[in-house]
Amino acid sequence: MPIRVAVIGVRGVGKFHAQWFAKEGCEVVAFVSSSPETIAQNETAIKSVVPDFRGRGYCDLREMLEKERPDAVSVCSPHHLHAEHCLEALRHGVHVLCEKPLV
């Protein structure tokens, strides 16, 4: 059974995190966007590097964690949100890989 991962923040390096996880045999199950308006753009960005992506986009981190129950998340959101996003994932028992800086 593959490791289920989600990416928080897709516009920059996040899509490449998704690509790396997929190449390593993980299942990319979801991503989190900053707003409902950016979900379609971010899905296109992920599909450009993970063509077989079949996950869902969310604009609410907590909702994604509760519905998708990923094994791990990759935090690639804006720097000022890193700590908040990491702590929320950890509260849900999810492993965290966080881009620097951790603030």
PDB file of N, CA and C in Angstrom:
ATOM      1  N   MET A   1       0.846  -1.181   0.000  1.00  0.00           N
ATOM      2  CA  MET A   1       0.000   0.000   0.000  1.00  0.00           C
ATOM      3  C   MET A   1       0.892   1.246   0.000  1.00  0.00           C
ATOM      4  N   PRO A   2       0.685   2.165  -0.951  1.00  0.00           N
ATOM      5  CA  PRO A   2       1.549   3.352  -1.028  1.00  0.00           C
ATOM      6  C   PRO A   2       1.278   4.340   0.108  1.00  0.00           C
ATOM      7  N   ILE A   3       2.280   5.137   0.403  1.00  0.00           N
ATOM      8  CA  ILE A   3       2.128   6.213   1.376  1.00  0.00           C
ATOM      9  C   ILE A   3       1.260   7.288   0.738  1.00  0.00           C
ATOM     10  N   ARG A   4       0.267   7.755   1.506  1.00  0.00           N
ATOM     11  CA  ARG A   4      -0.661   8.783   1.023  1.00  0.00           C
ATOM     12  C   ARG A   4      -0.166  10.156   1.469  1.00  0.00           C
ATOM     13  N   VAL A   5       0.103  11.029   0.515  1.00  0.00           N
ATOM     14  CA  VAL A   5       0.625  12.354   0.848  1.00  0.00           C
ATOM     15  C   VAL A   5      -0.264  13.462   0.276  1.00  0.00           C
ATOM     16  N   ALA A   6      -0.206  14.608   0.938  1.00  0.00           N
ATOM     17  CA  ALA A   6      -0.889  15.810   0.468  1.00  0.00           C
ATOM     18  C   ALA A   6       0.117  16.952   0.467  1.00  0.00           C
ATOM     19  N   VAL A   7      -0.092  17.893  -0.427  1.00  0.00           N
ATOM     20  CA  VAL A   7       0.801  19.042  -0.544  1.00  0.00           C
ATOM     21  C   VAL A   7       0.031  20.302  -0.160  1.00  0.00           C
ATOM     22  N   ILE A   8       0.613  21.063   0.749  1.00  0.00           N
ATOM     23  CA  ILE A   8       0.010  22.316   1.192  1.00  0.00           C
ATOM     24  C   ILE A   8       0.783  23.450   0.522  1.00  0.00           C
ATOM     25  N   GLY A   9       0.147  24.075  -0.447  1.00  0.00           N
ATOM     26  CA  GLY A   9       0.812  25.136  -1.204  1.00  0.00           C
ATOM     27  C   GLY A   9       1.448  24.566  -2.459  1.00  0.00           C
ATOM     28  N   VAL A  10       0.879  24.882  -3.602  1.00  0.00           N
ATOM     29  CA  VAL A  10       1.284  24.224  -4.845  1.00  0.00           C
ATOM     30  C   VAL A  10       1.977  25.159  -5.831  1.00  0.00           C
ATOM     31  N   ARG A  11       1.758  26.435  -5.737  1.00  0.00           N
ATOM     32  CA  ARG A  11       2.194  27.361  -6.793  1.00  0.00           C
ATOM     33  C   ARG A  11       3.695  27.385  -7.018  1.00  0.00           C
ATOM     34  N   GLY A  12       4.482  27.308  -6.005  1.00  0.00           N
ATOM     35  CA  GLY A  12       5.935  27.352  -6.172  1.00  0.00           C
ATOM     36  C   GLY A  12       6.513  25.956  -6.230  1.00  0.00           C
ATOM     37  N   VAL A  13       7.309  25.648  -5.229  1.00  0.00           N
ATOM     38  CA  VAL A  13       8.013  24.369  -5.173  1.00  0.00           C
ATOM     39  C   VAL A  13       7.070  23.201  -4.875  1.00  0.00           C
ATOM     40  N   GLY A  14       5.868  23.476  -4.390  1.00  0.00           N
ATOM     41  CA  GLY A  14       4.935  22.423  -4.001  1.00  0.00           C
ATOM     42  C   GLY A  14       4.619  21.426  -5.095  1.00  0.00           C
ATOM     43  N   LYS A  15       4.460  21.912  -6.325  1.00  0.00           N
ATOM     44  CA  LYS A  15       4.145  20.974  -7.409  1.00  0.00           C
ATOM     45  C   LYS A  15       5.301  20.008  -7.638  1.00  0.00           C
ATOM     46  N   PHE A  16       6.522  20.461  -7.365  1.00  0.00           N
ATOM     47  CA  PHE A  16       7.671  19.570  -7.525  1.00  0.00           C
ATOM     48  C   PHE A  16       7.766  18.570  -6.373  1.00  0.00           C
ATOM     49  N   HIS A  17       7.269  18.947  -5.202  1.00  0.00           N
ATOM     50  CA  HIS A  17       7.159  17.978  -4.108  1.00  0.00           C
ATOM     51  C   HIS A  17       6.191  16.874  -4.536  1.00  0.00           C
ATOM     52  N   ALA A  18       5.058  17.267  -5.117  1.00  0.00           N
ATOM     53  CA  ALA A  18       4.076  16.281  -5.590  1.00  0.00           C
ATOM     54  C   ALA A  18       4.708  15.359  -6.624  1.00  0.00           C
ATOM     55  N   GLN A  19       5.465  15.930  -7.542  1.00  0.00           N
ATOM     56  CA  GLN A  19       6.133  15.138  -8.576  1.00  0.00           C
ATOM     57  C   GLN A  19       7.105  14.138  -7.950  1.00  0.00           C
ATOM     58  N   TRP A  20       7.895  14.597  -7.001  1.00  0.00           N
ATOM     59  CA  TRP A  20       8.876  13.724  -6.353  1.00  0.00           C
ATOM     60  C   TRP A  20       8.181  12.588  -5.604  1.00  0.00           C
ATOM     61  N   PHE A  21       7.138  12.924  -4.832  1.00  0.00           N
ATOM     62  CA  PHE A  21       6.413  11.880  -4.108  1.00  0.00           C
ATOM     63  C   PHE A  21       5.851  10.841  -5.078  1.00  0.00           C
ATOM     64  N   ALA A  22       5.253  11.288  -6.174  1.00  0.00           N
ATOM     65  CA  ALA A  22       4.678  10.359  -7.152  1.00  0.00           C
ATOM     66  C   ALA A  22       5.757   9.475  -7.763  1.00  0.00           C
ATOM     67  N   LYS A  23       6.910  10.053  -8.105  1.00  0.00           N
ATOM     68  CA  LYS A  23       7.998   9.258  -8.687  1.00  0.00           C
ATOM     69  C   LYS A  23       8.529   8.222  -7.710  1.00  0.00           C
ATOM     70  N   GLU A  24       8.421   8.509  -6.417  1.00  0.00           N
ATOM     71  CA  GLU A  24       8.896   7.571  -5.398  1.00  0.00           C
ATOM     72  C   GLU A  24       7.841   6.533  -5.018  1.00  0.00           C
ATOM     73  N   GLY A  25       6.693   6.550  -5.698  1.00  0.00           N
ATOM     74  CA  GLY A  25       5.670   5.540  -5.477  1.00  0.00           C
ATOM     75  C   GLY A  25       4.602   5.909  -4.466  1.00  0.00           C
ATOM     76  N   CYS A  26       4.609   7.139  -4.006  1.00  0.00           N
ATOM     77  CA  CYS A  26       3.567   7.600  -3.083  1.00  0.00           C
ATOM     78  C   CYS A  26       2.309   7.962  -3.878  1.00  0.00           C
ATOM     79  N   GLU A  27       1.194   7.975  -3.191  1.00  0.00           N
ATOM     80  CA  GLU A  27      -0.061   8.414  -3.797  1.00  0.00           C
ATOM     81  C   GLU A  27      -0.330   9.849  -3.344  1.00  0.00           C
ATOM     82  N   VAL A  28      -0.335  10.784  -4.272  1.00  0.00           N
ATOM     83  CA  VAL A  28      -0.647  12.177  -3.944  1.00  0.00           C
ATOM     84  C   VAL A  28      -2.171  12.284  -3.930  1.00  0.00           C
ATOM     85  N   VAL A  29      -2.738  12.406  -2.725  1.00  0.00           N
ATOM     86  CA  VAL A  29      -4.189  12.325  -2.564  1.00  0.00           C
ATOM     87  C   VAL A  29      -4.887  13.669  -2.550  1.00  0.00           C
ATOM     88  N   ALA A  30      -4.139  14.754  -2.265  1.00  0.00           N
ATOM     89  CA  ALA A  30      -4.800  16.057  -2.156  1.00  0.00           C
ATOM     90  C   ALA A  30      -3.776  17.176  -2.151  1.00  0.00           C
ATOM     91  N   PHE A  31      -4.300  18.371  -2.339  1.00  0.00           N
ATOM     92  CA  PHE A  31      -3.494  19.577  -2.165  1.00  0.00           C
ATOM     93  C   PHE A  31      -4.372  20.634  -1.516  1.00  0.00           C
ATOM     94  N   VAL A  32      -3.726  21.604  -0.900  1.00  0.00           N
ATOM     95  CA  VAL A  32      -4.445  22.706  -0.266  1.00  0.00           C
ATOM     96  C   VAL A  32      -4.035  24.001  -0.951  1.00  0.00           C
ATOM     97  N   SER A  33      -5.045  24.756  -1.377  1.00  0.00           N
ATOM     98  CA  SER A  33      -4.858  26.056  -2.023  1.00  0.00           C
ATOM     99  C   SER A  33      -5.226  27.164  -1.048  1.00  0.00           C
ATOM    100  N   SER A  34      -4.849  28.375  -1.398  1.00  0.00           N
ATOM    101  CA  SER A  34      -5.141  29.512  -0.531  1.00  0.00           C
ATOM    102  C   SER A  34      -6.585  29.989  -0.636  1.00  0.00           C
ATOM    103  N   SER A  35      -7.268  29.670  -1.735  1.00  0.00           N
ATOM    104  CA  SER A  35      -8.652  30.118  -1.909  1.00  0.00           C
ATOM    105  C   SER A  35      -9.363  29.213  -2.911  1.00  0.00           C
ATOM    106  N   PRO A  36     -10.706  29.234  -2.885  1.00  0.00           N
ATOM    107  CA  PRO A  36     -11.449  28.420  -3.857  1.00  0.00           C
ATOM    108  C   PRO A  36     -11.122  28.797  -5.302  1.00  0.00           C
ATOM    109  N   GLU A  37     -10.801  30.064  -5.526  1.00  0.00           N
ATOM    110  CA  GLU A  37     -10.519  30.537  -6.878  1.00  0.00           C
ATOM    111  C   GLU A  37      -9.232  29.950  -7.457  1.00  0.00           C
ATOM    112  N   THR A  38      -8.324  29.507  -6.609  1.00  0.00           N
ATOM    113  CA  THR A  38      -7.041  28.995  -7.109  1.00  0.00           C
ATOM    114  C   THR A  38      -6.983  27.472  -7.215  1.00  0.00           C
ATOM    115  N   ILE A  39      -8.036  26.785  -6.810  1.00  0.00           N
ATOM    116  CA  ILE A  39      -8.011  25.318  -6.837  1.00  0.00           C
ATOM    117  C   ILE A  39      -7.793  24.798  -8.259  1.00  0.00           C
ATOM    118  N   ALA A  40      -8.526  25.317  -9.229  1.00  0.00           N
ATOM    119  CA  ALA A  40      -8.391  24.827 -10.611  1.00  0.00           C
ATOM    120  C   ALA A  40      -6.985  25.089 -11.156  1.00  0.00           C
ATOM    121  N   GLN A  41      -6.427  26.265 -10.884  1.00  0.00           N
ATOM    122  CA  GLN A  41      -5.066  26.579 -11.340  1.00  0.00           C
ATOM    123  C   GLN A  41      -4.056  25.624 -10.717  1.00  0.00           C
ATOM    124  N   ASN A  42      -4.220  25.365  -9.430  1.00  0.00           N
ATOM    125  CA  ASN A  42      -3.273  24.492  -8.741  1.00  0.00           C
ATOM    126  C   ASN A  42      -3.410  23.042  -9.186  1.00  0.00           C
ATOM    127  N   GLU A  43      -4.621  22.616  -9.501  1.00  0.00           N
ATOM    128  CA  GLU A  43      -4.797  21.263 -10.029  1.00  0.00           C
ATOM    129  C   GLU A  43      -4.086  21.136 -11.377  1.00  0.00           C
ATOM    130  N   THR A  44      -4.190  22.153 -12.210  1.00  0.00           N
ATOM    131  CA  THR A  44      -3.488  22.161 -13.493  1.00  0.00           C
ATOM    132  C   THR A  44      -1.981  22.097 -13.280  1.00  0.00           C
ATOM    133  N   ALA A  45      -1.489  22.847 -12.288  1.00  0.00           N
ATOM    134  CA  ALA A  45      -0.047  22.846 -11.992  1.00  0.00           C
ATOM    135  C   ALA A  45       0.422  21.460 -11.566  1.00  0.00           C
ATOM    136  N   ILE A  46      -0.341  20.797 -10.696  1.00  0.00           N
ATOM    137  CA  ILE A  46       0.046  19.450 -10.256  1.00  0.00           C
ATOM    138  C   ILE A  46      -0.013  18.476 -11.429  1.00  0.00           C
ATOM    139  N   LYS A  47      -1.078  18.551 -12.215  1.00  0.00           N
ATOM    140  CA  LYS A  47      -1.212  17.624 -13.345  1.00  0.00           C
ATOM    141  C   LYS A  47      -0.126  17.835 -14.398  1.00  0.00           C
ATOM    142  N   SER A  48       0.491  19.006 -14.415  1.00  0.00           N
ATOM    143  CA  SER A  48       1.579  19.238 -15.371  1.00  0.00           C
ATOM    144  C   SER A  48       2.816  18.424 -15.013  1.00  0.00           C
ATOM    145  N   VAL A  49       2.943  18.028 -13.758  1.00  0.00           N
ATOM    146  CA  VAL A  49       4.105  17.236 -13.330  1.00  0.00           C
ATOM    147  C   VAL A  49       3.717  15.846 -12.823  1.00  0.00           C
ATOM    148  N   VAL A  50       2.432  15.657 -12.484  1.00  0.00           N
ATOM    149  CA  VAL A  50       1.903  14.347 -12.068  1.00  0.00           C
ATOM    150  C   VAL A  50       0.653  14.100 -12.921  1.00  0.00           C
ATOM    151  N   PRO A  51       0.838  13.660 -14.179  1.00  0.00           N
ATOM    152  CA  PRO A  51      -0.293  13.544 -15.107  1.00  0.00           C
ATOM    153  C   PRO A  51      -1.439  12.664 -14.617  1.00  0.00           C
ATOM    154  N   ASP A  52      -1.144  11.655 -13.805  1.00  0.00           N
ATOM    155  CA  ASP A  52      -2.211  10.759 -13.346  1.00  0.00           C
ATOM    156  C   ASP A  52      -2.780  11.172 -11.986  1.00  0.00           C
ATOM    157  N   PHE A  53      -2.597  12.429 -11.579  1.00  0.00           N
ATOM    158  CA  PHE A  53      -3.142  12.914 -10.310  1.00  0.00           C
ATOM    159  C   PHE A  53      -4.657  12.797 -10.327  1.00  0.00           C
ATOM    160  N   ARG A  54      -5.208  12.151  -9.299  1.00  0.00           N
ATOM    161  CA  ARG A  54      -6.654  11.965  -9.185  1.00  0.00           C
ATOM    162  C   ARG A  54      -7.175  12.457  -7.839  1.00  0.00           C
ATOM    163  N   GLY A  55      -6.341  13.211  -7.134  1.00  0.00           N
ATOM    164  CA  GLY A  55      -6.723  13.701  -5.812  1.00  0.00           C
ATOM    165  C   GLY A  55      -7.665  14.885  -5.889  1.00  0.00           C
ATOM    166  N   ARG A  56      -7.907  15.466  -4.701  1.00  0.00           N
ATOM    167  CA  ARG A  56      -8.823  16.601  -4.602  1.00  0.00           C
ATOM    168  C   ARG A  56      -8.086  17.834  -4.129  1.00  0.00           C
ATOM    169  N   GLY A  57      -8.617  18.978  -4.504  1.00  0.00           N
ATOM    170  CA  GLY A  57      -8.108  20.248  -4.018  1.00  0.00           C
ATOM    171  C   GLY A  57      -9.003  20.796  -2.924  1.00  0.00           C
ATOM    172  N   TYR A  58      -8.401  21.398  -1.934  1.00  0.00           N
ATOM    173  CA  TYR A  58      -9.113  21.992  -0.803  1.00  0.00           C
ATOM    174  C   TYR A  58      -8.583  23.394  -0.571  1.00  0.00           C
ATOM    175  N   CYS A  59      -9.385  24.221   0.079  1.00  0.00           N
ATOM    176  CA  CYS A  59      -8.884  25.518   0.529  1.00  0.00           C
ATOM    177  C   CYS A  59      -8.924  25.593   2.051  1.00  0.00           C
ATOM    178  N   ASP A  60      -9.258  24.478   2.700  1.00  0.00           N
ATOM    179  CA  ASP A  60      -9.286  24.397   4.155  1.00  0.00           C
ATOM    180  C   ASP A  60      -8.420  23.219   4.591  1.00  0.00           C
ATOM    181  N   LEU A  61      -7.331  23.511   5.267  1.00  0.00           N
ATOM    182  CA  LEU A  61      -6.387  22.467   5.678  1.00  0.00           C
ATOM    183  C   LEU A  61      -7.035  21.435   6.584  1.00  0.00           C
ATOM    184  N   ARG A  62      -7.763  21.894   7.586  1.00  0.00           N
ATOM    185  CA  ARG A  62      -8.386  20.974   8.541  1.00  0.00           C
ATOM    186  C   ARG A  62      -9.358  20.027   7.835  1.00  0.00           C
ATOM    187  N   GLU A  63     -10.154  20.563   6.926  1.00  0.00           N
ATOM    188  CA  GLU A  63     -11.095  19.730   6.171  1.00  0.00           C
ATOM    189  C   GLU A  63     -10.346  18.659   5.381  1.00  0.00           C
ATOM    190  N   MET A  64      -9.263  19.056   4.723  1.00  0.00           N
ATOM    191  CA  MET A  64      -8.480  18.088   3.951  1.00  0.00           C
ATOM    192  C   MET A  64      -7.934  16.995   4.853  1.00  0.00           C
ATOM    193  N   LEU A  65      -7.375  17.377   5.999  1.00  0.00           N
ATOM    194  CA  LEU A  65      -6.793  16.388   6.911  1.00  0.00           C
ATOM    195  C   LEU A  65      -7.852  15.407   7.410  1.00  0.00           C
ATOM    196  N   GLU A  66      -9.044  15.908   7.710  1.00  0.00           N
ATOM    197  CA  GLU A  66     -10.111  15.050   8.227  1.00  0.00           C
ATOM    198  C   GLU A  66     -10.714  14.150   7.151  1.00  0.00           C
ATOM    199  N   LYS A  67     -10.865  14.654   5.942  1.00  0.00           N
ATOM    200  CA  LYS A  67     -11.484  13.858   4.873  1.00  0.00           C
ATOM    201  C   LYS A  67     -10.510  12.901   4.199  1.00  0.00           C
ATOM    202  N   GLU A  68      -9.305  13.344   3.930  1.00  0.00           N
ATOM    203  CA  GLU A  68      -8.342  12.529   3.184  1.00  0.00           C
ATOM    204  C   GLU A  68      -7.473  11.646   4.067  1.00  0.00           C
ATOM    205  N   ARG A  69      -7.245  12.058   5.283  1.00  0.00           N
ATOM    206  CA  ARG A  69      -6.404  11.319   6.231  1.00  0.00           C
ATOM    207  C   ARG A  69      -5.072  10.875   5.609  1.00  0.00           C
ATOM    208  N   PRO A  70      -4.282  11.846   5.120  1.00  0.00           N
ATOM    209  CA  PRO A  70      -2.990  11.472   4.525  1.00  0.00           C
ATOM    210  C   PRO A  70      -2.033  10.941   5.581  1.00  0.00           C
ATOM    211  N   ASP A  71      -1.071  10.151   5.148  1.00  0.00           N
ATOM    212  CA  ASP A  71      -0.017   9.683   6.051  1.00  0.00           C
ATOM    213  C   ASP A  71       0.986  10.801   6.312  1.00  0.00           C
ATOM    214  N   ALA A  72       1.173  11.668   5.318  1.00  0.00           N
ATOM    215  CA  ALA A  72       2.163  12.741   5.420  1.00  0.00           C
ATOM    216  C   ALA A  72       1.704  13.943   4.603  1.00  0.00           C
ATOM    217  N   VAL A  73       2.204  15.112   4.998  1.00  0.00           N
ATOM    218  CA  VAL A  73       1.984  16.320   4.215  1.00  0.00           C
ATOM    219  C   VAL A  73       3.325  16.976   3.933  1.00  0.00           C
ATOM    220  N   SER A  74       3.355  17.694   2.847  1.00  0.00           N
ATOM    221  CA  SER A  74       4.508  18.501   2.491  1.00  0.00           C
ATOM    222  C   SER A  74       4.053  19.954   2.572  1.00  0.00           C
ATOM    223  N   VAL A  75       4.658  20.719   3.483  1.00  0.00           N
ATOM    224  CA  VAL A  75       4.250  22.107   3.710  1.00  0.00           C
ATOM    225  C   VAL A  75       5.100  23.026   2.833  1.00  0.00           C
ATOM    226  N   CYS A  76       4.461  23.591   1.825  1.00  0.00           N
ATOM    227  CA  CYS A  76       5.130  24.480   0.867  1.00  0.00           C
ATOM    228  C   CYS A  76       4.379  25.804   0.757  1.00  0.00           C
ATOM    229  N   SER A  77       3.663  26.129   1.779  1.00  0.00           N
ATOM    230  CA  SER A  77       2.877  27.360   1.819  1.00  0.00           C
ATOM    231  C   SER A  77       3.787  28.561   2.081  1.00  0.00           C
ATOM    232  N   PRO A  78       3.237  29.784   2.052  1.00  0.00           N
ATOM    233  CA  PRO A  78       4.060  30.947   2.393  1.00  0.00           C
ATOM    234  C   PRO A  78       4.699  30.795   3.780  1.00  0.00           C
ATOM    235  N   HIS A  79       5.898  31.324   3.919  1.00  0.00           N
ATOM    236  CA  HIS A  79       6.695  31.125   5.133  1.00  0.00           C
ATOM    237  C   HIS A  79       5.946  31.434   6.415  1.00  0.00           C
ATOM    238  N   HIS A  80       5.180  32.507   6.443  1.00  0.00           N
ATOM    239  CA  HIS A  80       4.510  32.899   7.685  1.00  0.00           C
ATOM    240  C   HIS A  80       3.422  31.909   8.108  1.00  0.00           C
ATOM    241  N   LEU A  81       3.065  30.966   7.245  1.00  0.00           N
ATOM    242  CA  LEU A  81       2.052  29.955   7.574  1.00  0.00           C
ATOM    243  C   LEU A  81       2.652  28.596   7.923  1.00  0.00           C
ATOM    244  N   HIS A  82       3.949  28.435   7.782  1.00  0.00           N
ATOM    245  CA  HIS A  82       4.581  27.131   8.007  1.00  0.00           C
ATOM    246  C   HIS A  82       4.269  26.554   9.379  1.00  0.00           C
ATOM    247  N   ALA A  83       4.509  27.304  10.432  1.00  0.00           N
ATOM    248  CA  ALA A  83       4.296  26.774  11.784  1.00  0.00           C
ATOM    249  C   ALA A  83       2.844  26.372  11.986  1.00  0.00           C
ATOM    250  N   GLU A  84       1.917  27.229  11.591  1.00  0.00           N
ATOM    251  CA  GLU A  84       0.488  26.936  11.735  1.00  0.00           C
ATOM    252  C   GLU A  84       0.113  25.649  10.999  1.00  0.00           C
ATOM    253  N   HIS A  85       0.565  25.515   9.769  1.00  0.00           N
ATOM    254  CA  HIS A  85       0.227  24.335   8.974  1.00  0.00           C
ATOM    255  C   HIS A  85       0.887  23.070   9.524  1.00  0.00           C
ATOM    256  N   CYS A  86       2.124  23.180   9.947  1.00  0.00           N
ATOM    257  CA  CYS A  86       2.812  22.020  10.538  1.00  0.00           C
ATOM    258  C   CYS A  86       2.109  21.559  11.807  1.00  0.00           C
ATOM    259  N   LEU A  87       1.791  22.496  12.681  1.00  0.00           N
ATOM    260  CA  LEU A  87       1.144  22.137  13.948  1.00  0.00           C
ATOM    261  C   LEU A  87      -0.218  21.497  13.717  1.00  0.00           C
ATOM    262  N   GLU A  88      -0.983  22.009  12.771  1.00  0.00           N
ATOM    263  CA  GLU A  88      -2.299  21.424  12.483  1.00  0.00           C
ATOM    264  C   GLU A  88      -2.149  19.987  11.986  1.00  0.00           C
ATOM    265  N   ALA A  89      -1.210  19.754  11.098  1.00  0.00           N
ATOM    266  CA  ALA A  89      -0.986  18.391  10.603  1.00  0.00           C
ATOM    267  C   ALA A  89      -0.539  17.473  11.736  1.00  0.00           C
ATOM    268  N   LEU A  90       0.365  17.943  12.562  1.00  0.00           N
ATOM    269  CA  LEU A  90       0.842  17.125  13.686  1.00  0.00           C
ATOM    270  C   LEU A  90      -0.285  16.811  14.660  1.00  0.00           C
ATOM    271  N   ARG A  91      -1.187  17.771  14.895  1.00  0.00           N
ATOM    272  CA  ARG A  91      -2.344  17.517  15.774  1.00  0.00           C
ATOM    273  C   ARG A  91      -3.229  16.407  15.214  1.00  0.00           C
ATOM    274  N   HIS A  92      -3.202  16.225  13.910  1.00  0.00           N
ATOM    275  CA  HIS A  92      -3.984  15.162  13.270  1.00  0.00           C
ATOM    276  C   HIS A  92      -3.181  13.866  13.118  1.00  0.00           C
ATOM    277  N   GLY A  93      -1.995  13.823  13.695  1.00  0.00           N
ATOM    278  CA  GLY A  93      -1.189  12.605  13.654  1.00  0.00           C
ATOM    279  C   GLY A  93      -0.526  12.343  12.318  1.00  0.00           C
ATOM    280  N   VAL A  94      -0.286  13.400  11.555  1.00  0.00           N
ATOM    281  CA  VAL A  94       0.265  13.271  10.207  1.00  0.00           C
ATOM    282  C   VAL A  94       1.749  13.639  10.223  1.00  0.00           C
ATOM    283  N   HIS A  95       2.557  12.877   9.512  1.00  0.00           N
ATOM    284  CA  HIS A  95       3.979  13.198   9.361  1.00  0.00           C
ATOM    285  C   HIS A  95       4.114  14.462   8.522  1.00  0.00           C
ATOM    286  N   VAL A  96       5.153  15.255   8.809  1.00  0.00           N
ATOM    287  CA  VAL A  96       5.315  16.549   8.148  1.00  0.00           C
ATOM    288  C   VAL A  96       6.707  16.687   7.541  1.00  0.00           C
ATOM    289  N   LEU A  97       6.738  17.126   6.277  1.00  0.00           N
ATOM    290  CA  LEU A  97       7.956  17.595   5.628  1.00  0.00           C
ATOM    291  C   LEU A  97       7.698  19.069   5.351  1.00  0.00           C
ATOM    292  N   CYS A  98       8.541  19.952   5.914  1.00  0.00           N
ATOM    293  CA  CYS A  98       8.311  21.387   5.781  1.00  0.00           C
ATOM    294  C   CYS A  98       9.470  22.059   5.061  1.00  0.00           C
ATOM    295  N   GLU A  99       9.129  22.862   4.072  1.00  0.00           N
ATOM    296  CA  GLU A  99      10.127  23.712   3.425  1.00  0.00           C
ATOM    297  C   GLU A  99      10.645  24.713   4.450  1.00  0.00           C
ATOM    298  N   LYS A 100      11.849  25.193   4.261  1.00  0.00           N
ATOM    299  CA  LYS A 100      12.385  26.199   5.163  1.00  0.00           C
ATOM    300  C   LYS A 100      11.817  27.569   4.806  1.00  0.00           C
ATOM    301  N   PRO A 101      11.780  28.481   5.707  1.00  0.00           N
ATOM    302  CA  PRO A 101      12.115  28.382   7.124  1.00  0.00           C
ATOM    303  C   PRO A 101      10.914  27.909   7.937  1.00  0.00           C
ATOM    304  N   LEU A 102      11.198  27.375   9.085  1.00  0.00           N
ATOM    305  CA  LEU A 102      10.140  26.976  10.013  1.00  0.00           C
ATOM    306  C   LEU A 102       9.964  28.127  10.994  1.00  0.00           C
ATOM    307  N   VAL A 103       8.968  28.962  10.722  1.00  0.00           N
ATOM    308  CA  VAL A 103       8.738  30.154  11.560  1.00  0.00           C
ATOM    309  C   VAL A 103       7.333  30.156  12.119  1.00  0.00           C
TER     310      VAL A 103
END
